């Protein structure tokens, strides 16, 4: 899978912090969050809006984007996202909190969070993010600006997955603003625009905690922890976030290092599924070996009624067990498909409100 992401603009913007957060759930669905903190010092003078474009390599027409400003203006949510207590919040519109807010933190600098207008271009595989600075300018602010949005992926994962009989492997190879991986269509775009300078890049991989961290870059890994269920369930408002099922792997790199993150997760698969598969294979093999001899002894065609009426009861028991095992393997896929359909319907209803 192509996992090369680019953020660029024609306004010479500098990004103090770039957040890329990938969610991969147990039901085989995925979600990604993108967050940008733009340095106030690089905001063009006299402009009422700024634009940045983010290249998303897997973007499709069915992908749905959601501005997360309504979630981040809630101080309880921002406390977890920015890992600091919010001591005060100032609104740009007299308390409504629609045009933007300023969070003042205990230990870090104040941060302006603004709503973002998202315009996906599925042919170019990019999303244009537009920020209205009118309220920010009118309020006389000079703090850094932050926006964040999520993309519901129509893909099962953002990683390379290798499934074996005994072990499953997840490989993350994420790259941000690496020129050597620049797609041809972006080369033309960047004739009139330029890649945004990123000072700090934060990469979060949220995966089922049934996996083990097998390989990581020790220079970029910051911590591994179990996902705080109550906080992130409230923040994300997504039923796929289940208690004690997900873990967070946090990597960080700073300019001028290459923003490439390579991580490998593995999971041992020797369990009930493998034993069930072995039984199913043995049952099928036994029935296939039995039927030719039985057919020759009874001189009946396999499609005849007499042939099946005279079969020993043990063969029917074996066939029943085999069918039950097939249902055992197929059932999770059916449940996952139904859950993704339900999630899509819920998201569409929220979008139409």
C-alpha atoms as a PDB file:
ATOM      1  CA  UNK A   1       0.000   0.000   0.000  1.00  0.00           C
ATOM      2  CA  UNK A   2       1.195   3.508  -0.841  1.00  0.00           C
ATOM      3  CA  UNK A   3       1.687   5.326   2.461  1.00  0.00           C
ATOM      4  CA  UNK A   4       3.387   8.546   1.345  1.00  0.00           C
ATOM      5  CA  UNK A   5       1.678  11.702   2.625  1.00  0.00           C
ATOM      6  CA  UNK A   6       2.419  15.283   1.603  1.00  0.00           C
ATOM      7  CA  UNK A   7       1.251  18.646   2.886  1.00  0.00           C
ATOM      8  CA  UNK A   8       1.849  21.708   0.722  1.00  0.00           C
ATOM      9  CA  UNK A   9       0.649  25.265   0.176  1.00  0.00           C
ATOM     10  CA  UNK A  10       1.318  28.392  -1.897  1.00  0.00           C
ATOM     11  CA  UNK A  11       1.487  30.579   1.227  1.00  0.00           C
ATOM     12  CA  UNK A  12       4.832  29.455   2.660  1.00  0.00           C
ATOM     13  CA  UNK A  13       3.295  28.035   5.826  1.00  0.00           C
ATOM     14  CA  UNK A  14       5.408  26.443   8.543  1.00  0.00           C
ATOM     15  CA  UNK A  15       3.926  23.612  10.599  1.00  0.00           C
ATOM     16  CA  UNK A  16       5.019  23.527  14.206  1.00  0.00           C
ATOM     17  CA  UNK A  17       3.410  20.121  14.799  1.00  0.00           C
ATOM     18  CA  UNK A  18       1.965  17.646  12.315  1.00  0.00           C
ATOM     19  CA  UNK A  19      -0.195  14.834  13.697  1.00  0.00           C
ATOM     20  CA  UNK A  20      -0.932  11.636  11.789  1.00  0.00           C
ATOM     21  CA  UNK A  21      -3.070   9.202  13.747  1.00  0.00           C
ATOM     22  CA  UNK A  22      -4.136   5.879  12.240  1.00  0.00           C
ATOM     23  CA  UNK A  23      -6.856   3.728  13.805  1.00  0.00           C
ATOM     24  CA  UNK A  24      -7.208   0.074  12.842  1.00  0.00           C
ATOM     25  CA  UNK A  25     -10.063  -1.744  14.558  1.00  0.00           C
ATOM     26  CA  UNK A  26     -10.646  -5.415  15.273  1.00  0.00           C
ATOM     27  CA  UNK A  27     -13.558  -5.591  12.836  1.00  0.00           C
ATOM     28  CA  UNK A  28     -11.264  -4.873   9.887  1.00  0.00           C
ATOM     29  CA  UNK A  29     -12.092  -1.184   9.364  1.00  0.00           C
ATOM     30  CA  UNK A  30      -9.874   1.896   9.605  1.00  0.00           C
ATOM     31  CA  UNK A  31      -9.912   5.621  10.342  1.00  0.00           C
ATOM     32  CA  UNK A  32      -7.246   8.312  10.082  1.00  0.00           C
ATOM     33  CA  UNK A  33      -6.882  11.682  11.786  1.00  0.00           C
ATOM     34  CA  UNK A  34      -4.744  14.524  10.435  1.00  0.00           C
ATOM     35  CA  UNK A  35      -3.862  17.526  12.588  1.00  0.00           C
ATOM     36  CA  UNK A  36      -1.761  20.617  11.824  1.00  0.00           C
ATOM     37  CA  UNK A  37      -0.456  23.335  14.111  1.00  0.00           C
ATOM     38  CA  UNK A  38       0.549  26.275  11.925  1.00  0.00           C
ATOM     39  CA  UNK A  39       3.106  28.727  13.261  1.00  0.00           C
ATOM     40  CA  UNK A  40       1.607  32.216  13.705  1.00  0.00           C
ATOM     41  CA  UNK A  41       4.906  33.773  12.585  1.00  0.00           C
ATOM     42  CA  UNK A  42       4.460  32.360   9.074  1.00  0.00           C
ATOM     43  CA  UNK A  43       0.856  33.514   8.560  1.00  0.00           C
ATOM     44  CA  UNK A  44       0.770  35.890   5.570  1.00  0.00           C
ATOM     45  CA  UNK A  45       0.057  39.494   6.533  1.00  0.00           C
ATOM     46  CA  UNK A  46      -3.237  41.018   5.470  1.00  0.00           C
ATOM     47  CA  UNK A  47      -4.961  37.781   4.389  1.00  0.00           C
ATOM     48  CA  UNK A  48      -8.303  36.664   5.747  1.00  0.00           C
ATOM     49  CA  UNK A  49      -7.842  32.981   4.972  1.00  0.00           C
ATOM     50  CA  UNK A  50      -5.152  30.374   4.412  1.00  0.00           C
ATOM     51  CA  UNK A  51      -5.114  27.097   2.532  1.00  0.00           C
ATOM     52  CA  UNK A  52      -3.105  23.906   2.747  1.00  0.00           C
ATOM     53  CA  UNK A  53      -3.449  20.708   0.746  1.00  0.00           C
ATOM     54  CA  UNK A  54      -2.829  17.224   2.076  1.00  0.00           C
ATOM     55  CA  UNK A  55      -2.093  14.327  -0.274  1.00  0.00           C
ATOM     56  CA  UNK A  56      -3.829  11.162   0.956  1.00  0.00           C
ATOM     57  CA  UNK A  57      -2.630   8.230  -1.202  1.00  0.00           C
ATOM     58  CA  UNK A  58      -5.610   5.939  -0.480  1.00  0.00           C
ATOM     59  CA  UNK A  59      -8.340   8.612  -0.791  1.00  0.00           C
ATOM     60  CA  UNK A  60     -11.446   7.398  -2.638  1.00  0.00           C
ATOM     61  CA  UNK A  61     -14.801   8.891  -3.543  1.00  0.00           C
ATOM     62  CA  UNK A  62     -16.476   6.955  -0.725  1.00  0.00           C
ATOM     63  CA  UNK A  63     -14.119   8.365   1.917  1.00  0.00           C
ATOM     64  CA  UNK A  64     -15.858  10.713   4.334  1.00  0.00           C
ATOM     65  CA  UNK A  65     -14.099  13.670   5.970  1.00  0.00           C
ATOM     66  CA  UNK A  66     -15.124  15.198   9.310  1.00  0.00           C
ATOM     67  CA  UNK A  67     -13.922  18.436  10.880  1.00  0.00           C
ATOM     68  CA  UNK A  68     -12.987  17.702  14.490  1.00  0.00           C
ATOM     69  CA  UNK A  69     -13.212  21.308  15.697  1.00  0.00           C
ATOM     70  CA  UNK A  70     -16.526  20.630  17.547  1.00  0.00           C
ATOM     71  CA  UNK A  71     -14.764  17.887  19.520  1.00  0.00           C
ATOM     72  CA  UNK A  72     -11.588  19.863  20.266  1.00  0.00           C
ATOM     73  CA  UNK A  73     -13.349  22.934  21.626  1.00  0.00           C
ATOM     74  CA  UNK A  74     -14.402  20.647  24.475  1.00  0.00           C
ATOM     75  CA  UNK A  75     -11.668  21.062  27.096  1.00  0.00           C
ATOM     76  CA  UNK A  76     -11.968  17.447  28.255  1.00  0.00           C
ATOM     77  CA  UNK A  77     -11.136  16.217  24.747  1.00  0.00           C
ATOM     78  CA  UNK A  78      -8.302  18.707  24.180  1.00  0.00           C
ATOM     79  CA  UNK A  79      -6.673  17.662  27.450  1.00  0.00           C
ATOM     80  CA  UNK A  80      -6.026  14.198  26.001  1.00  0.00           C
ATOM     81  CA  UNK A  81      -5.206  15.243  22.462  1.00  0.00           C
ATOM     82  CA  UNK A  82      -2.635  17.869  23.537  1.00  0.00           C
ATOM     83  CA  UNK A  83      -1.529  16.039  26.685  1.00  0.00           C
ATOM     84  CA  UNK A  84      -1.948  19.070  28.923  1.00  0.00           C
ATOM     85  CA  UNK A  85      -4.591  20.550  31.197  1.00  0.00           C
ATOM     86  CA  UNK A  86      -6.715  23.376  29.782  1.00  0.00           C
ATOM     87  CA  UNK A  87      -6.880  26.181  32.358  1.00  0.00           C
ATOM     88  CA  UNK A  88      -9.001  28.601  30.330  1.00  0.00           C
ATOM     89  CA  UNK A  89     -10.905  28.768  27.026  1.00  0.00           C
ATOM     90  CA  UNK A  90     -11.702  31.975  25.165  1.00  0.00           C
ATOM     91  CA  UNK A  91     -14.286  32.095  22.375  1.00  0.00           C
ATOM     92  CA  UNK A  92     -13.968  34.381  19.319  1.00  0.00           C
ATOM     93  CA  UNK A  93     -17.734  34.876  19.011  1.00  0.00           C
ATOM     94  CA  UNK A  94     -19.003  35.740  22.472  1.00  0.00           C
ATOM     95  CA  UNK A  95     -19.241  32.241  23.877  1.00  0.00           C
ATOM     96  CA  UNK A  96     -20.833  30.324  20.991  1.00  0.00           C
ATOM     97  CA  UNK A  97     -17.560  28.722  20.014  1.00  0.00           C
ATOM     98  CA  UNK A  98     -18.448  28.447  16.335  1.00  0.00           C
ATOM     99  CA  UNK A  99     -15.835  30.708  14.716  1.00  0.00           C
ATOM    100  CA  UNK A 100     -12.904  29.490  16.784  1.00  0.00           C
ATOM    101  CA  UNK A 101     -11.565  29.276  20.320  1.00  0.00           C
ATOM    102  CA  UNK A 102      -8.307  29.861  22.209  1.00  0.00           C
ATOM    103  CA  UNK A 103      -7.205  27.196  24.679  1.00  0.00           C
ATOM    104  CA  UNK A 104      -4.787  28.258  27.386  1.00  0.00           C
ATOM    105  CA  UNK A 105      -2.837  25.315  28.775  1.00  0.00           C
ATOM    106  CA  UNK A 106      -0.986  24.804  32.009  1.00  0.00           C
ATOM    107  CA  UNK A 107       2.455  24.052  30.546  1.00  0.00           C
ATOM    108  CA  UNK A 108       2.385  24.807  26.825  1.00  0.00           C
ATOM    109  CA  UNK A 109       1.734  27.950  24.799  1.00  0.00           C
ATOM    110  CA  UNK A 110      -1.887  29.012  24.058  1.00  0.00           C
ATOM    111  CA  UNK A 111      -3.377  27.490  20.913  1.00  0.00           C
ATOM    112  CA  UNK A 112      -6.113  28.752  18.590  1.00  0.00           C
ATOM    113  CA  UNK A 113      -8.336  25.984  17.255  1.00  0.00           C
ATOM    114  CA  UNK A 114     -10.317  26.896  14.154  1.00  0.00           C
ATOM    115  CA  UNK A 115     -12.994  25.125  12.102  1.00  0.00           C
ATOM    116  CA  UNK A 116     -11.732  23.921   8.739  1.00  0.00           C
ATOM    117  CA  UNK A 117     -13.458  23.696   5.361  1.00  0.00           C
ATOM    118  CA  UNK A 118     -12.492  20.431   3.663  1.00  0.00           C
ATOM    119  CA  UNK A 119     -12.625  19.961  -0.123  1.00  0.00           C
ATOM    120  CA  UNK A 120     -11.604  16.446  -1.201  1.00  0.00           C
ATOM    121  CA  UNK A 121     -10.372  15.880  -4.747  1.00  0.00           C
ATOM    122  CA  UNK A 122     -10.562  12.148  -5.291  1.00  0.00           C
ATOM    123  CA  UNK A 123      -8.912  12.230  -8.716  1.00  0.00           C
ATOM    124  CA  UNK A 124      -5.834  14.007  -7.377  1.00  0.00           C
ATOM    125  CA  UNK A 125      -6.089  12.136  -4.046  1.00  0.00           C
ATOM    126  CA  UNK A 126      -5.777  15.285  -1.991  1.00  0.00           C
ATOM    127  CA  UNK A 127      -7.831  17.321   0.464  1.00  0.00           C
ATOM    128  CA  UNK A 128      -7.789  21.117   0.462  1.00  0.00           C
ATOM    129  CA  UNK A 129      -8.076  22.539   3.969  1.00  0.00           C
ATOM    130  CA  UNK A 130      -9.232  26.186   4.149  1.00  0.00           C
ATOM    131  CA  UNK A 131      -9.175  28.254   7.343  1.00  0.00           C
ATOM    132  CA  UNK A 132     -11.053  31.531   7.800  1.00  0.00           C
ATOM    133  CA  UNK A 133      -8.850  33.913   9.818  1.00  0.00           C
ATOM    134  CA  UNK A 134     -11.383  36.755  10.103  1.00  0.00           C
ATOM    135  CA  UNK A 135     -12.425  36.042  13.704  1.00  0.00           C
ATOM    136  CA  UNK A 136      -8.819  35.237  14.655  1.00  0.00           C
ATOM    137  CA  UNK A 137      -7.606  38.590  13.264  1.00  0.00           C
ATOM    138  CA  UNK A 138     -10.520  40.550  14.713  1.00  0.00           C
ATOM    139  CA  UNK A 139      -9.829  39.127  18.171  1.00  0.00           C
ATOM    140  CA  UNK A 140      -6.223  40.285  17.907  1.00  0.00           C
ATOM    141  CA  UNK A 141      -4.732  36.825  18.353  1.00  0.00           C
ATOM    142  CA  UNK A 142      -1.117  35.906  17.633  1.00  0.00           C
ATOM    143  CA  UNK A 143      -1.096  32.295  18.867  1.00  0.00           C
ATOM    144  CA  UNK A 144      -0.428  29.298  16.659  1.00  0.00           C
ATOM    145  CA  UNK A 145      -3.406  27.915  14.745  1.00  0.00           C
ATOM    146  CA  UNK A 146      -4.549  24.306  14.861  1.00  0.00           C
ATOM    147  CA  UNK A 147      -7.021  22.307  12.814  1.00  0.00           C
ATOM    148  CA  UNK A 148      -7.792  18.601  12.790  1.00  0.00           C
ATOM    149  CA  UNK A 149     -10.010  16.325  10.749  1.00  0.00           C
ATOM    150  CA  UNK A 150     -10.688  12.633  10.287  1.00  0.00           C
ATOM    151  CA  UNK A 151     -11.103  10.475   7.191  1.00  0.00           C
ATOM    152  CA  UNK A 152     -13.192   7.337   7.223  1.00  0.00           C
ATOM    153  CA  UNK A 153     -11.216   4.972   5.039  1.00  0.00           C
ATOM    154  CA  UNK A 154     -12.798   2.560   2.594  1.00  0.00           C
ATOM    155  CA  UNK A 155      -9.878   0.250   3.131  1.00  0.00           C
ATOM    156  CA  UNK A 156      -9.286  -2.384   5.783  1.00  0.00           C
ATOM    157  CA  UNK A 157      -5.978  -0.934   6.938  1.00  0.00           C
ATOM    158  CA  UNK A 158      -3.220   1.604   6.269  1.00  0.00           C
ATOM    159  CA  UNK A 159      -0.576  -1.027   6.818  1.00  0.00           C
ATOM    160  CA  UNK A 160       0.860  -3.940   4.908  1.00  0.00           C
ATOM    161  CA  UNK A 161      -0.704  -7.115   6.280  1.00  0.00           C
ATOM    162  CA  UNK A 162       0.701 -10.607   5.950  1.00  0.00           C
ATOM    163  CA  UNK A 163      -1.440 -13.440   7.256  1.00  0.00           C
ATOM    164  CA  UNK A 164       0.131 -16.798   7.920  1.00  0.00           C
ATOM    165  CA  UNK A 165      -1.201 -19.980   9.455  1.00  0.00           C
ATOM    166  CA  UNK A 166       0.804 -19.488  12.626  1.00  0.00           C
ATOM    167  CA  UNK A 167       1.448 -15.745  12.669  1.00  0.00           C
ATOM    168  CA  UNK A 168      -0.015 -12.483  11.362  1.00  0.00           C
ATOM    169  CA  UNK A 169       2.179  -9.450  10.664  1.00  0.00           C
ATOM    170  CA  UNK A 170       1.334  -5.748  10.375  1.00  0.00           C
ATOM    171  CA  UNK A 171       3.950  -3.487   8.758  1.00  0.00           C
ATOM    172  CA  UNK A 172       3.665   0.292   9.009  1.00  0.00           C
ATOM    173  CA  UNK A 173       5.856   2.251   6.615  1.00  0.00           C
ATOM    174  CA  UNK A 174       4.541   5.822   6.751  1.00  0.00           C
ATOM    175  CA  UNK A 175       6.374   8.683   5.068  1.00  0.00           C
ATOM    176  CA  UNK A 176       5.569  12.401   5.263  1.00  0.00           C
ATOM    177  CA  UNK A 177       6.920  14.997   2.800  1.00  0.00           C
ATOM    178  CA  UNK A 178       9.607  12.729   1.347  1.00  0.00           C
ATOM    179  CA  UNK A 179      10.528  14.155  -2.059  1.00  0.00           C
ATOM    180  CA  UNK A 180      11.923  10.894  -3.425  1.00  0.00           C
ATOM    181  CA  UNK A 181       8.431   9.392  -3.104  1.00  0.00           C
ATOM    182  CA  UNK A 182       6.698  12.335  -4.786  1.00  0.00           C
ATOM    183  CA  UNK A 183       3.965  11.108  -7.204  1.00  0.00           C
ATOM    184  CA  UNK A 184       4.058  12.392 -10.786  1.00  0.00           C
ATOM    185  CA  UNK A 185       0.780  14.280 -10.449  1.00  0.00           C
ATOM    186  CA  UNK A 186       2.128  16.174  -7.419  1.00  0.00           C
ATOM    187  CA  UNK A 187       5.284  17.183  -9.264  1.00  0.00           C
ATOM    188  CA  UNK A 188       3.188  19.450 -11.495  1.00  0.00           C
ATOM    189  CA  UNK A 189       1.251  20.813  -8.501  1.00  0.00           C
ATOM    190  CA  UNK A 190       4.452  21.816  -6.736  1.00  0.00           C
ATOM    191  CA  UNK A 191       5.615  24.005  -9.617  1.00  0.00           C
ATOM    192  CA  UNK A 192       3.467  26.790  -8.157  1.00  0.00           C
ATOM    193  CA  UNK A 193       3.355  25.567  -4.548  1.00  0.00           C
ATOM    194  CA  UNK A 194       5.809  24.171  -2.044  1.00  0.00           C
ATOM    195  CA  UNK A 195       5.936  21.546   0.644  1.00  0.00           C
ATOM    196  CA  UNK A 196       5.264  22.969   4.083  1.00  0.00           C
ATOM    197  CA  UNK A 197       8.193  22.905   6.484  1.00  0.00           C
ATOM    198  CA  UNK A 198       7.390  20.561   9.372  1.00  0.00           C
ATOM    199  CA  UNK A 199       9.281  21.118  12.620  1.00  0.00           C
ATOM    200  CA  UNK A 200       7.820  18.219  14.629  1.00  0.00           C
ATOM    201  CA  UNK A 201       5.992  15.168  13.293  1.00  0.00           C
ATOM    202  CA  UNK A 202       3.891  12.971  15.590  1.00  0.00           C
ATOM    203  CA  UNK A 203       2.791   9.551  14.359  1.00  0.00           C
ATOM    204  CA  UNK A 204       0.259   7.496  16.336  1.00  0.00           C
ATOM    205  CA  UNK A 205      -0.589   3.926  15.351  1.00  0.00           C
ATOM    206  CA  UNK A 206      -3.628   2.580  17.188  1.00  0.00           C
ATOM    207  CA  UNK A 207      -3.972  -1.168  16.675  1.00  0.00           C
ATOM    208  CA  UNK A 208      -5.648  -4.121  18.433  1.00  0.00           C
ATOM    209  CA  UNK A 209      -3.702  -4.983  21.579  1.00  0.00           C
ATOM    210  CA  UNK A 210      -3.606  -8.642  20.563  1.00  0.00           C
ATOM    211  CA  UNK A 211      -0.513  -7.709  18.512  1.00  0.00           C
ATOM    212  CA  UNK A 212       3.038  -7.446  19.844  1.00  0.00           C
ATOM    213  CA  UNK A 213       5.521  -4.746  18.861  1.00  0.00           C
ATOM    214  CA  UNK A 214       8.163  -6.754  16.991  1.00  0.00           C
ATOM    215  CA  UNK A 215      10.304  -3.993  15.435  1.00  0.00           C
ATOM    216  CA  UNK A 216      10.511  -0.239  15.997  1.00  0.00           C
ATOM    217  CA  UNK A 217      12.817   2.732  15.533  1.00  0.00           C
ATOM    218  CA  UNK A 218      14.294   3.354  18.977  1.00  0.00           C
ATOM    219  CA  UNK A 219      15.179   6.943  18.027  1.00  0.00           C
ATOM    220  CA  UNK A 220      11.549   7.898  17.352  1.00  0.00           C
ATOM    221  CA  UNK A 221       9.494   5.669  19.683  1.00  0.00           C
ATOM    222  CA  UNK A 222       8.174   7.667  22.643  1.00  0.00           C
ATOM    223  CA  UNK A 223       5.776   5.277  24.362  1.00  0.00           C
ATOM    224  CA  UNK A 224       3.366   2.361  24.035  1.00  0.00           C
ATOM    225  CA  UNK A 225       0.214   2.334  26.130  1.00  0.00           C
ATOM    226  CA  UNK A 226      -3.306   0.990  26.323  1.00  0.00           C
ATOM    227  CA  UNK A 227      -5.840   3.384  24.835  1.00  0.00           C
ATOM    228  CA  UNK A 228      -7.702   5.435  27.454  1.00  0.00           C
ATOM    229  CA  UNK A 229     -11.134   4.096  26.593  1.00  0.00           C
ATOM    230  CA  UNK A 230     -13.419   6.564  28.385  1.00  0.00           C
ATOM    231  CA  UNK A 231     -11.601   9.647  27.089  1.00  0.00           C
ATOM    232  CA  UNK A 232     -11.235   8.540  23.472  1.00  0.00           C
ATOM    233  CA  UNK A 233     -14.684   7.001  23.264  1.00  0.00           C
ATOM    234  CA  UNK A 234     -16.076  10.413  24.183  1.00  0.00           C
ATOM    235  CA  UNK A 235     -13.724  12.224  21.806  1.00  0.00           C
ATOM    236  CA  UNK A 236     -14.089  10.020  18.747  1.00  0.00           C
ATOM    237  CA  UNK A 237     -17.780   9.127  19.192  1.00  0.00           C
ATOM    238  CA  UNK A 238     -17.215   5.865  17.343  1.00  0.00           C
ATOM    239  CA  UNK A 239     -18.678   2.527  18.444  1.00  0.00           C
ATOM    240  CA  UNK A 240     -15.619   0.701  17.117  1.00  0.00           C
ATOM    241  CA  UNK A 241     -13.602   1.975  20.076  1.00  0.00           C
ATOM    242  CA  UNK A 242     -13.955  -0.881  22.559  1.00  0.00           C
ATOM    243  CA  UNK A 243     -12.617  -1.080  26.096  1.00  0.00           C
ATOM    244  CA  UNK A 244      -9.285  -2.888  26.585  1.00  0.00           C
ATOM    245  CA  UNK A 245      -8.992  -3.752  22.886  1.00  0.00           C
ATOM    246  CA  UNK A 246      -6.645  -1.099  21.472  1.00  0.00           C
ATOM    247  CA  UNK A 247      -3.132   0.127  22.159  1.00  0.00           C
ATOM    248  CA  UNK A 248      -1.360   3.324  21.101  1.00  0.00           C
ATOM    249  CA  UNK A 249       2.170   3.333  19.680  1.00  0.00           C
ATOM    250  CA  UNK A 250       3.545   6.887  19.633  1.00  0.00           C
ATOM    251  CA  UNK A 251       6.509   7.953  17.482  1.00  0.00           C
ATOM    252  CA  UNK A 252       7.950  11.445  17.099  1.00  0.00           C
ATOM    253  CA  UNK A 253      10.632  12.976  14.880  1.00  0.00           C
ATOM    254  CA  UNK A 254      11.961  16.499  14.645  1.00  0.00           C
ATOM    255  CA  UNK A 255      13.292  18.592  11.775  1.00  0.00           C
ATOM    256  CA  UNK A 256      15.601  18.041   9.896  1.00  0.00           C
ATOM    257  CA  UNK A 257      15.218  14.273  10.263  1.00  0.00           C
ATOM    258  CA  UNK A 258      13.377  12.297   7.617  1.00  0.00           C
ATOM    259  CA  UNK A 259       9.751  11.842   8.605  1.00  0.00           C
ATOM    260  CA  UNK A 260       9.586   8.131   7.881  1.00  0.00           C
ATOM    261  CA  UNK A 261       8.100   5.769  10.465  1.00  0.00           C
ATOM    262  CA  UNK A 262       8.649   2.017  10.186  1.00  0.00           C
ATOM    263  CA  UNK A 263       7.077  -0.360  12.700  1.00  0.00           C
ATOM    264  CA  UNK A 264       6.255  -4.069  12.659  1.00  0.00           C
ATOM    265  CA  UNK A 265       3.585  -5.788  14.779  1.00  0.00           C
ATOM    266  CA  UNK A 266       3.064  -9.546  14.998  1.00  0.00           C
ATOM    267  CA  UNK A 267       0.429 -11.840  16.453  1.00  0.00           C
ATOM    268  CA  UNK A 268       0.662 -15.560  17.058  1.00  0.00           C
ATOM    269  CA  UNK A 269      -2.275 -17.306  15.420  1.00  0.00           C
ATOM    270  CA  UNK A 270      -1.999 -20.787  16.952  1.00  0.00           C
ATOM    271  CA  UNK A 271      -5.302 -21.047  18.766  1.00  0.00           C
ATOM    272  CA  UNK A 272      -8.907 -22.110  18.302  1.00  0.00           C
ATOM    273  CA  UNK A 273      -8.928 -20.990  14.662  1.00  0.00           C
ATOM    274  CA  UNK A 274      -5.929 -23.120  13.737  1.00  0.00           C
ATOM    275  CA  UNK A 275      -7.315 -26.201  15.506  1.00  0.00           C
ATOM    276  CA  UNK A 276     -10.666 -25.693  13.784  1.00  0.00           C
ATOM    277  CA  UNK A 277      -8.911 -25.410  10.412  1.00  0.00           C
ATOM    278  CA  UNK A 278      -6.960 -28.606  11.045  1.00  0.00           C
ATOM    279  CA  UNK A 279     -10.167 -30.466  11.967  1.00  0.00           C
ATOM    280  CA  UNK A 280     -11.936 -29.137   8.871  1.00  0.00           C
ATOM    281  CA  UNK A 281      -9.109 -30.266   6.599  1.00  0.00           C
ATOM    282  CA  UNK A 282      -9.091 -33.723   8.201  1.00  0.00           C
ATOM    283  CA  UNK A 283     -12.861 -34.071   7.824  1.00  0.00           C
ATOM    284  CA  UNK A 284     -12.791 -33.063   4.162  1.00  0.00           C
ATOM    285  CA  UNK A 285      -9.852 -35.390   3.470  1.00  0.00           C
ATOM    286  CA  UNK A 286     -11.555 -38.296   5.246  1.00  0.00           C
ATOM    287  CA  UNK A 287     -14.827 -37.831   3.352  1.00  0.00           C
ATOM    288  CA  UNK A 288     -13.012 -37.544   0.010  1.00  0.00           C
ATOM    289  CA  UNK A 289     -11.115 -40.753   0.717  1.00  0.00           C
ATOM    290  CA  UNK A 290     -14.246 -42.616   1.852  1.00  0.00           C
ATOM    291  CA  UNK A 291     -16.617 -41.666  -0.988  1.00  0.00           C
ATOM    292  CA  UNK A 292     -14.774 -43.383  -3.933  1.00  0.00           C
ATOM    293  CA  UNK A 293     -14.684 -46.760  -2.153  1.00  0.00           C
ATOM    294  CA  UNK A 294     -18.290 -46.403  -1.038  1.00  0.00           C
ATOM    295  CA  UNK A 295     -19.423 -45.494  -4.562  1.00  0.00           C
ATOM    296  CA  UNK A 296     -17.646 -48.510  -6.100  1.00  0.00           C
ATOM    297  CA  UNK A 297     -19.072 -50.924  -3.524  1.00  0.00           C
ATOM    298  CA  UNK A 298     -22.651 -49.737  -3.986  1.00  0.00           C
ATOM    299  CA  UNK A 299     -22.473 -49.113  -7.745  1.00  0.00           C
ATOM    300  CA  UNK A 300     -24.552 -45.956  -7.316  1.00  0.00           C
ATOM    301  CA  UNK A 301     -24.077 -42.582  -8.917  1.00  0.00           C
ATOM    302  CA  UNK A 302     -23.067 -39.898  -6.434  1.00  0.00           C
ATOM    303  CA  UNK A 303     -26.042 -37.748  -7.489  1.00  0.00           C
ATOM    304  CA  UNK A 304     -28.566 -40.524  -6.980  1.00  0.00           C
ATOM    305  CA  UNK A 305     -31.010 -40.498  -4.062  1.00  0.00           C
ATOM    306  CA  UNK A 306     -30.132 -44.073  -3.073  1.00  0.00           C
ATOM    307  CA  UNK A 307     -26.456 -43.161  -2.777  1.00  0.00           C
ATOM    308  CA  UNK A 308     -27.163 -40.524  -0.126  1.00  0.00           C
ATOM    309  CA  UNK A 309     -29.835 -42.548   1.672  1.00  0.00           C
ATOM    310  CA  UNK A 310     -27.379 -45.385   2.298  1.00  0.00           C
ATOM    311  CA  UNK A 311     -24.549 -43.212   3.590  1.00  0.00           C
ATOM    312  CA  UNK A 312     -23.467 -44.077   7.145  1.00  0.00           C
ATOM    313  CA  UNK A 313     -24.638 -41.705   9.849  1.00  0.00           C
ATOM    314  CA  UNK A 314     -20.995 -40.918  10.689  1.00  0.00           C
ATOM    315  CA  UNK A 315     -20.546 -39.257   7.273  1.00  0.00           C
ATOM    316  CA  UNK A 316     -23.519 -36.967   7.923  1.00  0.00           C
ATOM    317  CA  UNK A 317     -22.092 -36.077  11.336  1.00  0.00           C
ATOM    318  CA  UNK A 318     -18.740 -35.261   9.708  1.00  0.00           C
ATOM    319  CA  UNK A 319     -20.443 -33.119   7.050  1.00  0.00           C
ATOM    320  CA  UNK A 320     -22.436 -31.286   9.744  1.00  0.00           C
ATOM    321  CA  UNK A 321     -19.277 -30.560  11.735  1.00  0.00           C
ATOM    322  CA  UNK A 322     -17.568 -29.378   8.550  1.00  0.00           C
ATOM    323  CA  UNK A 323     -20.413 -26.985   7.727  1.00  0.00           C
ATOM    324  CA  UNK A 324     -20.370 -25.674  11.298  1.00  0.00           C
ATOM    325  CA  UNK A 325     -16.638 -25.011  11.024  1.00  0.00           C
ATOM    326  CA  UNK A 326     -17.127 -23.165   7.715  1.00  0.00           C
ATOM    327  CA  UNK A 327     -19.731 -20.963   9.420  1.00  0.00           C
ATOM    328  CA  UNK A 328     -17.219 -20.424  12.248  1.00  0.00           C
ATOM    329  CA  UNK A 329     -14.690 -19.017   9.770  1.00  0.00           C
ATOM    330  CA  UNK A 330     -17.154 -16.992   7.682  1.00  0.00           C
ATOM    331  CA  UNK A 331     -19.262 -15.557  10.522  1.00  0.00           C
ATOM    332  CA  UNK A 332     -16.722 -12.879  11.690  1.00  0.00           C
ATOM    333  CA  UNK A 333     -16.493 -11.589   8.116  1.00  0.00           C
ATOM    334  CA  UNK A 334     -20.282 -11.323   7.899  1.00  0.00           C
ATOM    335  CA  UNK A 335     -20.469  -9.514  11.263  1.00  0.00           C
ATOM    336  CA  UNK A 336     -17.660  -7.160  10.204  1.00  0.00           C
ATOM    337  CA  UNK A 337     -19.424  -6.320   6.931  1.00  0.00           C
ATOM    338  CA  UNK A 338     -22.703  -5.648   8.754  1.00  0.00           C
ATOM    339  CA  UNK A 339     -20.917  -3.475  11.310  1.00  0.00           C
ATOM    340  CA  UNK A 340     -19.196  -1.414   8.592  1.00  0.00           C
ATOM    341  CA  UNK A 341     -22.571  -0.958   6.896  1.00  0.00           C
ATOM    342  CA  UNK A 342     -24.132   0.158  10.181  1.00  0.00           C
ATOM    343  CA  UNK A 343     -21.244   2.578  10.825  1.00  0.00           C
ATOM    344  CA  UNK A 344     -21.607   4.046   7.332  1.00  0.00           C
ATOM    345  CA  UNK A 345     -25.332   4.598   7.872  1.00  0.00           C
ATOM    346  CA  UNK A 346     -24.758   6.267  11.263  1.00  0.00           C
ATOM    347  CA  UNK A 347     -22.056   8.556   9.842  1.00  0.00           C
ATOM    348  CA  UNK A 348     -24.281   9.500   6.918  1.00  0.00           C
ATOM    349  CA  UNK A 349     -27.129  10.373   9.301  1.00  0.00           C
ATOM    350  CA  UNK A 350     -24.793  12.554  11.379  1.00  0.00           C
ATOM    351  CA  UNK A 351     -23.544  14.283   8.231  1.00  0.00           C
ATOM    352  CA  UNK A 352     -27.099  15.034   7.073  1.00  0.00           C
ATOM    353  CA  UNK A 353     -28.166  16.587  10.395  1.00  0.00           C
END
